[in-house]
Amino acid sequence: MKFLILFLYAISTNAIAAEIYGYYSNINSTLEEPSGYEVLFVKNGKPGRDNISVLFQRFEGWPKPPELLKCYNCASGAITFESKVMGKFKGKVLNGALVGEFVDIGYSLNLPKSPSIWQRY
């Protein structure tokens, strides 16, 4: 019985986490100087709760170096990670978009799930 409960928990946890994997991007590539933000949630191969990493990249006229970040809380209903440049992000996946705020600077994001700008060309 204990095995069955653990098995069902593992399946439900993976299903919830699978909802967030992929790219979220609002990069406007129609301008000569791309601007916006891009977030990628990936499995990093670590066991347990630390098994999701975030690749965060800013575009301000040109691509800034990406940051590989630890996702402190990575479920569709609550996502938390911290950027060295932008500070702490708190948000969630809602209707196929990553919505939230960099709380340290009060900057809100709404990134639809979409291909990366690097995949568009």
Protein backbone atom coordinates (compact mmCIF):
# COMPACT_ATOMS: atom_id res chain seq x y z
CA MET A 1 0.00 0.00 0.00
CA LYS A 2 2.81 2.39 0.88
CA PHE A 3 4.41 1.73 -2.52
CA LEU A 4 1.13 2.49 -4.30
CA ILE A 5 0.78 5.82 -2.50
CA LEU A 6 4.37 6.80 -3.32
CA PHE A 7 3.88 5.73 -6.94
CA LEU A 8 0.71 7.82 -7.33
CA TYR A 9 2.41 10.80 -5.69
CA ALA A 10 5.37 10.53 -8.07
CA ILE A 11 3.08 10.38 -11.11
CA SER A 12 1.03 13.39 -10.01
CA THR A 13 4.15 15.40 -9.16
CA ASN A 14 5.67 14.68 -12.58
CA ALA A 15 2.42 15.63 -14.35
CA ILE A 16 2.30 18.96 -12.53
CA ALA A 17 5.96 19.68 -13.22
CA ALA A 18 5.59 18.73 -16.89
CA GLU A 19 3.20 21.64 -17.33
CA ILE A 20 5.98 24.17 -16.80
CA TYR A 21 8.79 22.68 -18.94
CA GLY A 22 9.71 24.62 -22.06
CA TYR A 23 10.27 28.17 -23.26
CA TYR A 24 8.36 31.28 -22.21
CA SER A 25 9.26 34.28 -24.31
CA ASN A 26 8.07 37.78 -25.15
CA ILE A 27 11.04 38.69 -27.35
CA ASN A 28 9.98 41.14 -30.03
CA SER A 29 12.09 40.15 -33.01
CA THR A 30 10.35 42.44 -35.52
CA LEU A 31 12.51 45.32 -34.39
CA GLU A 32 16.10 45.66 -35.50
CA GLU A 33 17.09 45.52 -31.84
CA PRO A 34 15.32 42.63 -30.07
CA SER A 35 13.94 43.35 -26.63
CA GLY A 36 12.20 41.30 -23.96
CA TYR A 37 12.77 38.27 -21.77
CA GLU A 38 13.04 34.54 -22.21
CA VAL A 39 12.79 31.76 -19.60
CA LEU A 40 13.42 28.06 -20.13
CA PHE A 41 12.51 25.44 -17.51
CA VAL A 42 14.51 22.21 -17.87
CA LYS A 43 15.10 19.03 -15.90
CA ASN A 44 18.68 19.09 -14.67
CA GLY A 45 19.09 15.42 -13.76
CA LYS A 46 19.33 16.00 -10.00
CA PRO A 47 17.17 13.83 -7.76
CA GLY A 48 14.42 15.22 -5.56
CA ARG A 49 13.04 18.70 -5.31
CA ASP A 50 16.01 20.44 -6.96
CA ASN A 51 15.45 18.73 -10.32
CA ILE A 52 14.43 21.82 -12.34
CA SER A 53 16.73 24.62 -13.47
CA VAL A 54 15.90 27.93 -15.12
CA LEU A 55 17.74 29.48 -18.05
CA PHE A 56 16.91 33.20 -17.95
CA GLN A 57 17.94 35.64 -20.67
CA ARG A 58 17.29 39.36 -21.17
CA PHE A 59 17.32 41.12 -24.53
CA GLU A 60 17.91 44.86 -24.40
CA GLY A 61 18.84 45.74 -27.96
CA TRP A 62 20.97 42.62 -28.11
CA PRO A 63 21.06 39.35 -26.13
CA LYS A 64 22.54 39.60 -22.65
CA PRO A 65 24.45 36.58 -21.29
CA PRO A 66 21.98 33.93 -20.09
CA GLU A 67 21.82 33.02 -16.41
CA LEU A 68 21.50 29.38 -15.29
CA LEU A 69 19.47 29.53 -12.08
CA LYS A 70 18.17 27.21 -9.41
CA CYS A 71 14.38 27.03 -9.24
CA TYR A 72 13.56 27.15 -5.53
CA ASN A 73 9.91 26.36 -6.07
CA CYS A 74 8.90 24.96 -9.44
CA ALA A 75 5.29 23.89 -9.70
CA SER A 76 2.79 25.43 -12.08
CA GLY A 77 1.01 27.18 -9.21
CA ALA A 78 4.13 28.65 -7.60
CA ILE A 79 7.49 29.40 -9.23
CA THR A 80 10.40 31.09 -7.48
CA PHE A 81 13.92 31.73 -8.74
CA GLU A 82 16.50 34.46 -8.28
CA SER A 83 18.42 36.35 -10.97
CA LYS A 84 21.69 38.07 -10.11
CA VAL A 85 20.60 41.05 -12.22
CA MET A 86 16.81 41.23 -11.73
CA GLY A 87 16.47 39.77 -8.21
CA LYS A 88 13.87 37.37 -6.87
CA PHE A 89 11.07 36.25 -9.19
CA LYS A 90 7.75 34.97 -7.84
CA GLY A 91 5.09 33.79 -10.23
CA LYS A 92 3.12 30.91 -11.72
CA VAL A 93 2.02 29.39 -14.99
CA LEU A 94 -1.46 30.62 -15.82
CA ASN A 95 -3.31 29.92 -19.09
CA GLY A 96 -0.12 28.88 -20.87
CA ALA A 97 1.93 31.88 -19.78
CA LEU A 98 4.50 32.55 -17.08
CA VAL A 99 3.17 35.47 -15.05
CA GLY A 100 4.80 37.04 -12.05
CA GLU A 101 7.05 39.74 -10.73
CA PHE A 102 10.65 40.42 -9.89
CA VAL A 103 9.74 41.51 -6.37
CA ASP A 104 12.99 43.35 -5.57
CA ILE A 105 12.45 45.86 -8.39
CA GLY A 106 8.66 45.60 -8.85
CA TYR A 107 8.90 44.54 -12.50
CA SER A 108 6.04 42.34 -13.79
CA LEU A 109 6.38 39.72 -16.52
CA ASN A 110 3.83 37.96 -18.70
CA LEU A 111 5.64 35.50 -20.98
CA PRO A 112 3.54 33.26 -23.25
CA LYS A 113 4.76 29.71 -23.76
CA SER A 114 6.32 29.83 -27.22
CA PRO A 115 9.41 28.81 -29.17
CA SER A 116 12.67 30.47 -28.21
CA ILE A 117 13.85 33.35 -30.35
CA TRP A 118 16.82 31.10 -31.12
CA GLN A 119 14.42 28.52 -32.62
CA ARG A 120 12.59 31.02 -34.83
CA TYR A 121 15.46 31.68 -37.24
